[in-house]
């Protein structure tokens, strides 16, 4: 399954909803009874936040509501993320990468 791990950098704006749809490239996986876990960690490996994941037949919908992004410490501007698909007592890493955390200050 390691052949299917993608490495892709992302960015997240604090105070905004964050949503991605990650497709599952290995079409032989039966995702019907699976779950997914998406976590962002800082450079020291500390958990920054965890997303709400919805497994669909062709991929995983990953969502972090703005309420959660607003709780991210302003000192954290870079981190790492990964997405795991859990099924049949096994975990498959689908995607991983660096994530830039942008703390916008709105003048509105």
Protein backbone atom coordinates (compact mmCIF):
# COMPACT_ATOMS: atom_id res chain seq x y z
CA UNK A 1 0.00 0.00 0.00
CA UNK A 2 3.00 2.34 0.43
CA UNK A 3 2.95 2.90 -3.33
CA UNK A 4 -0.25 4.86 -2.84
CA UNK A 5 0.97 7.38 -0.23
CA UNK A 6 0.96 10.86 -1.69
CA UNK A 7 3.07 13.67 -0.32
CA UNK A 8 1.36 17.01 -0.85
CA UNK A 9 1.80 20.32 0.95
CA UNK A 10 -1.25 22.24 2.15
CA UNK A 11 -2.17 25.52 3.84
CA UNK A 12 -4.84 26.42 6.38
CA UNK A 13 -6.24 29.88 7.16
CA UNK A 14 -7.10 30.28 10.84
CA UNK A 15 -10.69 31.45 11.27
CA UNK A 16 -11.90 29.79 8.06
CA UNK A 17 -13.49 26.44 7.35
CA UNK A 18 -10.96 24.03 5.84
CA UNK A 19 -12.17 21.25 3.57
CA UNK A 20 -10.46 18.81 1.21
CA UNK A 21 -11.58 15.73 -0.69
CA UNK A 22 -8.75 13.22 -0.96
CA UNK A 23 -9.37 10.54 -3.55
CA UNK A 24 -8.40 6.94 -2.93
CA UNK A 25 -6.18 5.86 -5.78
CA UNK A 26 -6.21 2.16 -4.91
CA UNK A 27 -9.59 1.16 -6.33
CA UNK A 28 -9.31 -2.38 -4.93
CA UNK A 29 -9.93 -1.15 -1.36
CA UNK A 30 -13.45 -1.70 -0.08
CA UNK A 31 -14.12 1.38 2.03
CA UNK A 32 -17.65 0.42 3.10
CA UNK A 33 -16.76 -0.33 6.75
CA UNK A 34 -13.76 1.93 7.13
CA UNK A 35 -12.99 5.08 9.09
CA UNK A 36 -10.42 7.81 8.55
CA UNK A 37 -8.24 9.94 10.82
CA UNK A 38 -6.64 13.25 9.84
CA UNK A 39 -4.34 15.05 12.28
CA UNK A 40 -2.20 18.16 12.14
CA UNK A 41 0.86 18.22 14.39
CA UNK A 42 3.40 20.95 15.06
CA UNK A 43 7.09 20.49 14.24
CA UNK A 44 7.66 18.91 17.68
CA UNK A 45 4.94 16.31 17.06
CA UNK A 46 2.32 17.85 19.35
CA UNK A 47 -1.29 17.56 18.21
CA UNK A 48 -2.60 20.87 16.84
CA UNK A 49 -6.04 19.68 15.74
CA UNK A 50 -7.96 16.76 14.32
CA UNK A 51 -10.41 16.89 11.43
CA UNK A 52 -13.85 15.42 10.93
CA UNK A 53 -13.49 12.69 8.29
CA UNK A 54 -16.23 11.18 6.16
CA UNK A 55 -15.30 8.11 4.12
CA UNK A 56 -16.99 7.99 0.73
CA UNK A 57 -16.72 5.31 -1.99
CA UNK A 58 -14.13 7.28 -3.96
CA UNK A 59 -12.28 9.11 -1.19
CA UNK A 60 -12.26 10.81 2.18
CA UNK A 61 -13.85 14.18 2.86
CA UNK A 62 -11.78 16.01 5.49
CA UNK A 63 -13.24 19.04 7.29
CA UNK A 64 -11.94 21.34 10.01
CA UNK A 65 -14.57 23.87 11.09
CA UNK A 66 -13.51 27.48 11.62
CA UNK A 67 -14.27 27.18 15.35
CA UNK A 68 -11.45 24.64 15.65
CA UNK A 69 -9.01 26.58 13.46
CA UNK A 70 -9.54 29.66 15.65
CA UNK A 71 -8.17 27.70 18.63
CA UNK A 72 -4.77 27.12 16.96
CA UNK A 73 -2.00 28.84 18.90
CA UNK A 74 -0.77 31.96 17.05
CA UNK A 75 2.84 30.81 17.52
CA UNK A 76 2.22 27.73 15.36
CA UNK A 77 2.73 28.61 11.70
CA UNK A 78 4.03 25.33 10.27
CA UNK A 79 3.27 21.69 10.87
CA UNK A 80 2.80 18.26 9.36
CA UNK A 81 -0.38 16.39 8.59
CA UNK A 82 -1.37 12.89 7.61
CA UNK A 83 -4.51 11.03 6.68
CA UNK A 84 -5.03 7.38 7.58
CA UNK A 85 -7.73 5.04 6.35
CA UNK A 86 -8.57 2.39 8.95
CA UNK A 87 -10.19 -0.83 7.82
CA UNK A 88 -10.13 -4.50 8.76
CA UNK A 89 -7.87 -3.80 11.76
CA UNK A 90 -5.24 -2.22 9.48
CA UNK A 91 -4.24 1.39 8.85
CA UNK A 92 -3.28 2.76 5.46
CA UNK A 93 -1.60 6.16 5.13
CA UNK A 94 -3.18 7.87 2.13
CA UNK A 95 -1.50 11.26 2.17
CA UNK A 96 0.94 13.31 4.21
CA UNK A 97 2.80 16.57 3.95
CA UNK A 98 3.71 19.93 5.38
CA UNK A 99 0.99 22.41 6.24
CA UNK A 100 1.39 26.16 6.53
CA UNK A 101 -0.91 27.73 9.11
CA UNK A 102 -1.79 31.31 8.21
CA UNK A 103 -3.07 33.53 11.01
CA UNK A 104 -5.06 36.16 9.12
CA UNK A 105 -6.04 39.35 10.84
CA UNK A 106 -9.15 40.74 9.21
CA UNK A 107 -9.89 44.46 9.26
CA UNK A 108 -13.62 43.89 8.54
